[in-house]
Protein backbone atom coordinates (compact mmCIF):
# COMPACT_ATOMS: atom_id res chain seq x y z
CA UNK A 1 170.80 128.80 19.61
CA UNK A 2 167.94 130.30 17.96
CA UNK A 3 164.78 130.66 20.79
CA UNK A 4 160.78 130.65 19.00
CA UNK A 5 159.25 133.72 20.60
CA UNK A 6 155.98 132.48 19.73
CA UNK A 7 156.25 128.64 21.43
CA UNK A 8 157.67 130.91 24.49
CA UNK A 9 154.13 132.82 24.76
CA UNK A 10 152.35 129.14 24.31
CA UNK A 11 154.50 127.79 26.83
CA UNK A 12 154.12 131.08 30.00
CA UNK A 13 150.68 130.60 29.61
CA UNK A 14 149.91 126.91 29.73
CA UNK A 15 152.50 126.50 32.42
CA UNK A 16 150.30 129.78 33.82
CA UNK A 17 147.47 127.94 33.89
CA UNK A 18 148.76 124.32 35.07
CA UNK A 19 149.93 126.22 38.15
CA UNK A 20 147.05 127.88 38.87
CA UNK A 21 148.33 131.82 38.62
CA UNK A 22 145.77 134.86 37.97
CA UNK A 23 148.03 136.83 35.76
CA UNK A 24 150.50 136.25 33.62
CA UNK A 25 153.88 138.72 32.62
CA UNK A 26 155.08 138.14 28.73
CA UNK A 27 157.61 140.08 27.15
CA UNK A 28 155.54 142.15 24.29
CA UNK A 29 156.03 141.86 20.35
CA UNK A 30 153.64 142.86 17.97
CA UNK A 31 152.68 139.22 17.08
CA UNK A 32 151.75 137.86 20.45
CA UNK A 33 149.55 141.56 20.92
CA UNK A 34 147.71 140.31 17.75
CA UNK A 35 147.22 136.59 19.05
CA UNK A 36 146.59 138.40 22.60
CA UNK A 37 143.86 140.15 20.86
CA UNK A 38 142.70 137.16 19.40
CA UNK A 39 142.46 135.12 22.56
CA UNK A 40 140.41 137.88 24.04
CA UNK A 41 138.18 138.15 21.47
CA UNK A 42 136.88 134.62 21.58
CA UNK A 43 136.73 133.94 25.82
CA UNK A 44 139.36 132.04 25.99
CA UNK A 45 141.37 134.85 28.06
CA UNK A 46 139.56 137.82 30.90
CA UNK A 47 141.53 140.67 30.04
CA UNK A 48 144.86 141.95 28.77
CA UNK A 49 146.82 145.45 28.82
CA UNK A 50 149.22 146.23 26.97
CA UNK A 51 152.79 147.79 29.13
CA UNK A 52 154.93 149.72 26.60
CA UNK A 53 157.68 150.82 29.29
CA UNK A 54 161.13 149.77 28.25
CA UNK A 55 162.66 148.93 24.62
CA UNK A 56 160.17 145.47 24.49
CA UNK A 57 157.10 146.33 27.19
CA UNK A 58 155.31 143.59 28.39
CA UNK A 59 152.00 142.25 28.24
CA UNK A 60 150.09 141.48 31.59
CA UNK A 61 147.12 138.67 30.89
CA UNK A 62 144.53 137.85 32.88
CA UNK A 63 143.62 134.05 32.95
CA UNK A 64 140.05 132.49 32.57
CA UNK A 65 139.16 130.28 35.06
CA UNK A 66 135.60 128.03 34.83
CA UNK A 67 133.64 128.11 38.72
CA UNK A 68 135.39 124.47 39.53
CA UNK A 69 138.90 126.09 38.55
CA UNK A 70 138.99 124.73 35.19
CA UNK A 71 141.17 127.09 32.95
CA UNK A 72 139.39 127.89 30.10
CA UNK A 73 142.60 127.08 27.28
CA UNK A 74 142.28 123.34 27.61
CA UNK A 75 145.07 123.18 24.76
CA UNK A 76 147.66 125.53 23.15
CA UNK A 77 149.46 124.12 20.80
CA UNK A 78 152.40 125.50 18.19
CA UNK A 79 151.64 124.23 14.77
CA UNK A 80 153.85 126.25 12.67
CA UNK A 81 157.79 126.27 14.65
CA UNK A 82 160.81 128.34 12.46
CA UNK A 83 162.19 124.55 11.45
CA UNK A 84 158.99 123.28 9.68
CA UNK A 85 156.50 125.96 8.28
CA UNK A 86 153.59 125.00 7.97
CA UNK A 87 150.92 127.17 5.52
CA UNK A 88 147.44 126.57 3.95
CA UNK A 89 145.58 127.85 1.54
CA UNK A 90 142.34 129.35 1.49
CA UNK A 91 140.56 126.06 0.60
CA UNK A 92 141.98 123.62 3.28
CA UNK A 93 141.52 125.69 6.60
CA UNK A 94 141.62 123.53 9.33
CA UNK A 95 139.03 122.92 12.01
CA UNK A 96 139.91 122.08 15.60
CA UNK A 97 138.06 120.24 17.47
CA UNK A 98 135.51 119.88 14.62
CA UNK A 99 134.96 123.63 14.79
CA UNK A 100 134.75 124.09 19.05
CA UNK A 101 138.54 124.78 19.17
CA UNK A 102 140.28 127.58 17.35
CA UNK A 103 143.46 128.32 15.06
CA UNK A 104 145.32 131.58 14.35
CA UNK A 105 146.68 132.61 11.04
CA UNK A 106 149.35 134.43 9.69
CA UNK A 107 147.91 135.73 6.35
CA UNK A 108 148.74 139.18 4.42
CA UNK A 109 144.67 140.72 5.90
CA UNK A 110 146.85 139.91 9.37
CA UNK A 111 146.50 137.87 12.64
CA UNK A 112 143.62 136.41 12.48
CA UNK A 113 141.17 133.30 13.15
CA UNK A 114 140.35 130.20 11.27
CA UNK A 115 136.51 131.30 11.46
CA UNK A 116 137.40 135.06 9.71
CA UNK A 117 139.88 133.44 7.09
CA UNK A 118 136.99 131.86 5.35
CA UNK A 119 135.27 135.11 5.41
CA UNK A 120 137.84 136.76 4.07
CA UNK A 121 138.95 133.78 1.95
CA UNK A 122 142.33 133.74 2.66
CA UNK A 123 144.81 131.74 3.44
CA UNK A 124 148.55 131.64 5.84
CA UNK A 125 150.95 130.09 8.26
CA UNK A 126 149.07 128.37 10.70
CA UNK A 127 150.53 129.63 14.13
CA UNK A 128 148.47 127.61 16.51
CA UNK A 129 145.25 126.16 18.16
CA UNK A 130 143.20 126.58 21.49
CA UNK A 131 140.38 124.36 22.77
């Protein structure tokens, strides 16, 4: 059976936030590291630390909450799945929550947010939506 490591990554973040955890630990990969950097850059997580011990390594993510303990990430969902890939060109990039959220794309310029993809005028595979 094939498992989707990106969906697992997103689910671990979702579950940790619903349980009210401060830190979540996730097995590392290049793609997950890039997604984590974007989440911190856009203010959805407090910080992260890459631990390269062992063959795979781990990512430790400090989750962000508001003053009344509401998680910063209200929704994080996988769009392009291994069984059904979703691609879009530079002209038809999605607007998540009318610009309030972000879409994370895998492009030939690397893993970037939808706003950067519009600026660079590139399309690619839509990995996930975050808002």
